[in-house]
């Protein structure tokens, strides 16, 4: 059996980064659940008042809820 040794500092950094990723994903799910539902009629009113949203994508994250 092979044994791999990882310095404590490196292991801590890997765990910290993994936890950060999980928290970000869970926070995005929570935010998505809090978004209010917008009917088609409301959406058309919004677009009429403020124009259609641009198609420029700044950041996309796929989250399964």
PDB file of N, CA and C in Angstrom:
ATOM      1  N   UNK A   1       0.839  -1.175   0.000  1.00  0.00           N
ATOM      2  CA  UNK A   1       0.000   0.000   0.000  1.00  0.00           C
ATOM      3  C   UNK A   1       0.889   1.245   0.000  1.00  0.00           C
ATOM      4  N   UNK A   2       0.579   2.197  -0.847  1.00  0.00           N
ATOM      5  CA  UNK A   2       1.350   3.426  -0.937  1.00  0.00           C
ATOM      6  C   UNK A   2       0.788   4.463   0.018  1.00  0.00           C
ATOM      7  N   UNK A   3       1.678   5.211   0.615  1.00  0.00           N
ATOM      8  CA  UNK A   3       1.284   6.278   1.522  1.00  0.00           C
ATOM      9  C   UNK A   3       1.699   7.610   0.917  1.00  0.00           C
ATOM     10  N   UNK A   4       0.768   8.543   0.924  1.00  0.00           N
ATOM     11  CA  UNK A   4       1.050   9.875   0.402  1.00  0.00           C
ATOM     12  C   UNK A   4       1.037  10.841   1.582  1.00  0.00           C
ATOM     13  N   UNK A   5       2.088  11.622   1.692  1.00  0.00           N
ATOM     14  CA  UNK A   5       2.129  12.608   2.765  1.00  0.00           C
ATOM     15  C   UNK A   5       1.987  14.001   2.160  1.00  0.00           C
ATOM     16  N   UNK A   6       1.124  14.766   2.784  1.00  0.00           N
ATOM     17  CA  UNK A   6       0.867  16.131   2.333  1.00  0.00           C
ATOM     18  C   UNK A   6       1.143  17.056   3.511  1.00  0.00           C
ATOM     19  N   UNK A   7       1.899  18.091   3.274  1.00  0.00           N
ATOM     20  CA  UNK A   7       2.141  19.037   4.373  1.00  0.00           C
ATOM     21  C   UNK A   7       0.816  19.612   4.890  1.00  0.00           C
ATOM     22  N   UNK A   8       0.766  19.841   6.192  1.00  0.00           N
ATOM     23  CA  UNK A   8      -0.441  20.323   6.848  1.00  0.00           C
ATOM     24  C   UNK A   8      -0.957  21.618   6.210  1.00  0.00           C
ATOM     25  N   UNK A   9      -0.069  22.510   5.885  1.00  0.00           N
ATOM     26  CA  UNK A   9      -0.446  23.794   5.296  1.00  0.00           C
ATOM     27  C   UNK A   9      -1.115  23.591   3.930  1.00  0.00           C
ATOM     28  N   UNK A  10      -0.568  22.686   3.133  1.00  0.00           N
ATOM     29  CA  UNK A  10      -1.123  22.407   1.804  1.00  0.00           C
ATOM     30  C   UNK A  10      -2.500  21.739   1.917  1.00  0.00           C
ATOM     31  N   UNK A  11      -2.623  20.790   2.847  1.00  0.00           N
ATOM     32  CA  UNK A  11      -3.905  20.111   3.058  1.00  0.00           C
ATOM     33  C   UNK A  11      -4.967  21.111   3.511  1.00  0.00           C
ATOM     34  N   UNK A  12      -4.597  21.991   4.418  1.00  0.00           N
ATOM     35  CA  UNK A  12      -5.523  23.007   4.918  1.00  0.00           C
ATOM     36  C   UNK A  12      -5.993  23.909   3.776  1.00  0.00           C
ATOM     37  N   UNK A  13      -5.072  24.306   2.894  1.00  0.00           N
ATOM     38  CA  UNK A  13      -5.427  25.163   1.754  1.00  0.00           C
ATOM     39  C   UNK A  13      -6.383  24.436   0.807  1.00  0.00           C
ATOM     40  N   UNK A  14      -6.156  23.144   0.573  1.00  0.00           N
ATOM     41  CA  UNK A  14      -7.031  22.371  -0.322  1.00  0.00           C
ATOM     42  C   UNK A  14      -8.431  22.235   0.273  1.00  0.00           C
ATOM     43  N   UNK A  15      -8.510  21.961   1.563  1.00  0.00           N
ATOM     44  CA  UNK A  15      -9.809  21.817   2.225  1.00  0.00           C
ATOM     45  C   UNK A  15     -10.536  23.165   2.220  1.00  0.00           C
ATOM     46  N   UNK A  16      -9.808  24.238   2.508  1.00  0.00           N
ATOM     47  CA  UNK A  16     -10.402  25.573   2.529  1.00  0.00           C
ATOM     48  C   UNK A  16     -10.981  25.931   1.163  1.00  0.00           C
ATOM     49  N   UNK A  17     -10.259  25.663   0.096  1.00  0.00           N
ATOM     50  CA  UNK A  17     -10.735  25.956  -1.262  1.00  0.00           C
ATOM     51  C   UNK A  17     -11.956  25.107  -1.609  1.00  0.00           C
ATOM     52  N   UNK A  18     -11.937  23.839  -1.225  1.00  0.00           N
ATOM     53  CA  UNK A  18     -13.078  22.959  -1.492  1.00  0.00           C
ATOM     54  C   UNK A  18     -14.328  23.447  -0.769  1.00  0.00           C
ATOM     55  N   UNK A  19     -14.165  23.841   0.485  1.00  0.00           N
ATOM     56  CA  UNK A  19     -15.301  24.348   1.247  1.00  0.00           C
ATOM     57  C   UNK A  19     -15.831  25.647   0.650  1.00  0.00           C
ATOM     58  N   UNK A  20     -14.938  26.496   0.196  1.00  0.00           N
ATOM     59  CA  UNK A  20     -15.352  27.760  -0.433  1.00  0.00           C
ATOM     60  C   UNK A  20     -16.221  27.461  -1.663  1.00  0.00           C
ATOM     61  N   UNK A  21     -15.802  26.501  -2.480  1.00  0.00           N
ATOM     62  CA  UNK A  21     -16.566  26.140  -3.678  1.00  0.00           C
ATOM     63  C   UNK A  21     -17.949  25.620  -3.309  1.00  0.00           C
ATOM     64  N   UNK A  22     -18.027  24.779  -2.288  1.00  0.00           N
ATOM     65  CA  UNK A  22     -19.316  24.224  -1.856  1.00  0.00           C
ATOM     66  C   UNK A  22     -20.218  25.339  -1.331  1.00  0.00           C
ATOM     67  N   UNK A  23     -19.683  26.231  -0.514  1.00  0.00           N
ATOM     68  CA  UNK A  23     -20.485  27.331   0.015  1.00  0.00           C
ATOM     69  C   UNK A  23     -21.009  28.230  -1.095  1.00  0.00           C
ATOM     70  N   UNK A  24     -20.192  28.503  -2.090  1.00  0.00           N
ATOM     71  CA  UNK A  24     -20.628  29.331  -3.217  1.00  0.00           C
ATOM     72  C   UNK A  24     -21.782  28.653  -3.945  1.00  0.00           C
ATOM     73  N   UNK A  25     -21.663  27.352  -4.208  1.00  0.00           N
ATOM     74  CA  UNK A  25     -22.735  26.621  -4.895  1.00  0.00           C
ATOM     75  C   UNK A  25     -24.023  26.635  -4.074  1.00  0.00           C
ATOM     76  N   UNK A  26     -23.913  26.385  -2.789  1.00  0.00           N
ATOM     77  CA  UNK A  26     -25.099  26.347  -1.936  1.00  0.00           C
ATOM     78  C   UNK A  26     -25.728  27.738  -1.803  1.00  0.00           C
ATOM     79  N   UNK A  27     -24.910  28.770  -1.737  1.00  0.00           N
ATOM     80  CA  UNK A  27     -25.431  30.126  -1.661  1.00  0.00           C
ATOM     81  C   UNK A  27     -26.178  30.489  -2.942  1.00  0.00           C
ATOM     82  N   UNK A  28     -25.654  30.070  -4.095  1.00  0.00           N
ATOM     83  CA  UNK A  28     -26.330  30.329  -5.370  1.00  0.00           C
ATOM     84  C   UNK A  28     -27.686  29.619  -5.402  1.00  0.00           C
ATOM     85  N   UNK A  29     -27.756  28.404  -4.904  1.00  0.00           N
ATOM     86  CA  UNK A  29     -29.035  27.683  -4.849  1.00  0.00           C
ATOM     87  C   UNK A  29     -30.021  28.437  -3.956  1.00  0.00           C
ATOM     88  N   UNK A  30     -29.545  28.895  -2.810  1.00  0.00           N
ATOM     89  CA  UNK A  30     -30.401  29.616  -1.866  1.00  0.00           C
ATOM     90  C   UNK A  30     -30.920  30.906  -2.493  1.00  0.00           C
ATOM     91  N   UNK A  31     -30.047  31.638  -3.168  1.00  0.00           N
ATOM     92  CA  UNK A  31     -30.465  32.873  -3.835  1.00  0.00           C
ATOM     93  C   UNK A  31     -31.505  32.589  -4.909  1.00  0.00           C
ATOM     94  N   UNK A  32     -31.317  31.513  -5.666  1.00  0.00           N
ATOM     95  CA  UNK A  32     -32.267  31.159  -6.728  1.00  0.00           C
ATOM     96  C   UNK A  32     -33.642  30.855  -6.131  1.00  0.00           C
ATOM     97  N   UNK A  33     -33.663  30.221  -4.968  1.00  0.00           N
ATOM     98  CA  UNK A  33     -34.944  29.913  -4.325  1.00  0.00           C
ATOM     99  C   UNK A  33     -35.668  31.170  -3.852  1.00  0.00           C
ATOM    100  N   UNK A  34     -34.916  32.223  -3.550  1.00  0.00           N
ATOM    101  CA  UNK A  34     -35.513  33.455  -3.041  1.00  0.00           C
ATOM    102  C   UNK A  34     -35.967  34.409  -4.144  1.00  0.00           C
ATOM    103  N   UNK A  35     -35.605  34.123  -5.387  1.00  0.00           N
ATOM    104  CA  UNK A  35     -36.018  34.998  -6.481  1.00  0.00           C
ATOM    105  C   UNK A  35     -37.530  34.925  -6.670  1.00  0.00           C
ATOM    106  N   UNK A  36     -38.176  36.062  -6.795  1.00  0.00           N
ATOM    107  CA  UNK A  36     -39.627  36.036  -6.992  1.00  0.00           C
ATOM    108  C   UNK A  36     -39.982  35.583  -8.403  1.00  0.00           C
ATOM    109  N   UNK A  37     -41.140  34.966  -8.534  1.00  0.00           N
ATOM    110  CA  UNK A  37     -41.630  34.554  -9.842  1.00  0.00           C
ATOM    111  C   UNK A  37     -42.123  35.785 -10.593  1.00  0.00           C
ATOM    112  N   UNK A  38     -41.785  35.863 -11.863  1.00  0.00           N
ATOM    113  CA  UNK A  38     -42.232  36.980 -12.700  1.00  0.00           C
ATOM    114  C   UNK A  38     -43.065  36.389 -13.833  1.00  0.00           C
ATOM    115  N   UNK A  39     -44.326  36.830 -13.922  1.00  0.00           N
ATOM    116  CA  UNK A  39     -45.204  36.341 -14.986  1.00  0.00           C
ATOM    117  C   UNK A  39     -44.776  36.941 -16.327  1.00  0.00           C
ATOM    118  N   UNK A  40     -45.299  36.374 -17.405  1.00  0.00           N
ATOM    119  CA  UNK A  40     -44.994  36.882 -18.744  1.00  0.00           C
ATOM    120  C   UNK A  40     -45.434  38.338 -18.879  1.00  0.00           C
ATOM    121  N   UNK A  41     -46.601  38.640 -18.309  1.00  0.00           N
ATOM    122  CA  UNK A  41     -47.127  40.009 -18.382  1.00  0.00           C
ATOM    123  C   UNK A  41     -46.194  40.987 -17.661  1.00  0.00           C
ATOM    124  N   UNK A  42     -45.762  40.613 -16.462  1.00  0.00           N
ATOM    125  CA  UNK A  42     -44.841  41.464 -15.708  1.00  0.00           C
ATOM    126  C   UNK A  42     -43.520  41.643 -16.455  1.00  0.00           C
ATOM    127  N   UNK A  43     -43.035  40.551 -17.054  1.00  0.00           N
ATOM    128  CA  UNK A  43     -41.771  40.618 -17.795  1.00  0.00           C
ATOM    129  C   UNK A  43     -41.886  41.574 -18.979  1.00  0.00           C
ATOM    130  N   UNK A  44     -43.007  41.533 -19.671  1.00  0.00           N
ATOM    131  CA  UNK A  44     -43.211  42.442 -20.801  1.00  0.00           C
ATOM    132  C   UNK A  44     -43.254  43.892 -20.335  1.00  0.00           C
ATOM    133  N   UNK A  45     -43.891  44.140 -19.184  1.00  0.00           N
ATOM    134  CA  UNK A  45     -43.923  45.501 -18.622  1.00  0.00           C
ATOM    135  C   UNK A  45     -42.514  45.982 -18.282  1.00  0.00           C
ATOM    136  N   UNK A  46     -41.751  45.114 -17.676  1.00  0.00           N
ATOM    137  CA  UNK A  46     -40.372  45.457 -17.309  1.00  0.00           C
ATOM    138  C   UNK A  46     -39.558  45.794 -18.563  1.00  0.00           C
ATOM    139  N   UNK A  47     -39.689  44.958 -19.584  1.00  0.00           N
ATOM    140  CA  UNK A  47     -38.952  45.189 -20.831  1.00  0.00           C
ATOM    141  C   UNK A  47     -39.413  46.478 -21.512  1.00  0.00           C
ATOM    142  N   UNK A  48     -40.688  46.771 -21.396  1.00  0.00           N
ATOM    143  CA  UNK A  48     -41.221  48.000 -21.987  1.00  0.00           C
ATOM    144  C   UNK A  48     -40.639  49.229 -21.285  1.00  0.00           C
ATOM    145  N   UNK A  49     -40.550  49.169 -19.967  1.00  0.00           N
ATOM    146  CA  UNK A  49     -40.030  50.296 -19.186  1.00  0.00           C
ATOM    147  C   UNK A  49     -38.514  50.457 -19.304  1.00  0.00           C
ATOM    148  N   UNK A  50     -37.790  49.332 -19.264  1.00  0.00           N
ATOM    149  CA  UNK A  50     -36.337  49.399 -19.156  1.00  0.00           C
ATOM    150  C   UNK A  50     -35.583  48.821 -20.354  1.00  0.00           C
ATOM    151  N   UNK A  51     -36.313  48.276 -21.314  1.00  0.00           N
ATOM    152  CA  UNK A  51     -35.659  47.653 -22.452  1.00  0.00           C
ATOM    153  C   UNK A  51     -35.297  46.207 -22.138  1.00  0.00           C
ATOM    154  N   UNK A  52     -35.012  45.457 -23.185  1.00  0.00           N
ATOM    155  CA  UNK A  52     -34.655  44.056 -23.003  1.00  0.00           C
ATOM    156  C   UNK A  52     -33.238  43.953 -22.439  1.00  0.00           C
ATOM    157  N   UNK A  53     -32.996  42.908 -21.654  1.00  0.00           N
ATOM    158  CA  UNK A  53     -31.644  42.728 -21.125  1.00  0.00           C
ATOM    159  C   UNK A  53     -30.666  42.413 -22.257  1.00  0.00           C
ATOM    160  N   UNK A  54     -29.441  42.838 -22.077  1.00  0.00           N
ATOM    161  CA  UNK A  54     -28.439  42.548 -23.110  1.00  0.00           C
ATOM    162  C   UNK A  54     -28.150  41.048 -23.117  1.00  0.00           C
ATOM    163  N   UNK A  55     -27.670  40.573 -24.229  1.00  0.00           N
ATOM    164  CA  UNK A  55     -27.341  39.148 -24.355  1.00  0.00           C
ATOM    165  C   UNK A  55     -25.909  38.863 -23.926  1.00  0.00           C
ATOM    166  N   UNK A  56     -25.208  39.903 -23.484  1.00  0.00           N
ATOM    167  CA  UNK A  56     -23.830  39.741 -23.056  1.00  0.00           C
ATOM    168  C   UNK A  56     -23.803  38.941 -21.762  1.00  0.00           C
ATOM    169  N   UNK A  57     -23.075  37.843 -21.766  1.00  0.00           N
ATOM    170  CA  UNK A  57     -22.974  36.987 -20.595  1.00  0.00           C
ATOM    171  C   UNK A  57     -21.681  37.323 -19.861  1.00  0.00           C
ATOM    172  N   UNK A  58     -21.826  37.725 -18.622  1.00  0.00           N
ATOM    173  CA  UNK A  58     -20.654  38.060 -17.826  1.00  0.00           C
ATOM    174  C   UNK A  58     -20.125  36.804 -17.156  1.00  0.00           C
ATOM    175  N   UNK A  59     -21.023  36.047 -16.532  1.00  0.00           N
ATOM    176  CA  UNK A  59     -20.625  34.839 -15.852  1.00  0.00           C
ATOM    177  C   UNK A  59     -21.820  33.890 -15.825  1.00  0.00           C
ATOM    178  N   UNK A  60     -21.588  32.654 -16.139  1.00  0.00           N
ATOM    179  CA  UNK A  60     -22.656  31.659 -16.132  1.00  0.00           C
ATOM    180  C   UNK A  60     -22.266  30.515 -15.212  1.00  0.00           C
ATOM    181  N   UNK A  61     -23.182  30.167 -14.332  1.00  0.00           N
ATOM    182  CA  UNK A  61     -22.978  29.033 -13.444  1.00  0.00           C
ATOM    183  C   UNK A  61     -24.214  28.161 -13.536  1.00  0.00           C
ATOM    184  N   UNK A  62     -24.051  26.888 -13.881  1.00  0.00           N
ATOM    185  CA  UNK A  62     -25.172  25.951 -13.912  1.00  0.00           C
ATOM    186  C   UNK A  62     -25.308  25.318 -12.551  1.00  0.00           C
ATOM    187  N   UNK A  63     -26.507  25.453 -11.975  1.00  0.00           N
ATOM    188  CA  UNK A  63     -26.764  24.899 -10.647  1.00  0.00           C
ATOM    189  C   UNK A  63     -28.023  24.057 -10.719  1.00  0.00           C
ATOM    190  N   UNK A  64     -27.935  22.853 -10.193  1.00  0.00           N
ATOM    191  CA  UNK A  64     -29.085  21.969 -10.159  1.00  0.00           C
ATOM    192  C   UNK A  64     -29.801  22.161  -8.843  1.00  0.00           C
ATOM    193  N   UNK A  65     -31.091  22.522  -8.930  1.00  0.00           N
ATOM    194  CA  UNK A  65     -31.882  22.759  -7.721  1.00  0.00           C
ATOM    195  C   UNK A  65     -32.829  21.600  -7.509  1.00  0.00           C
TER     196      UNK A  65
END
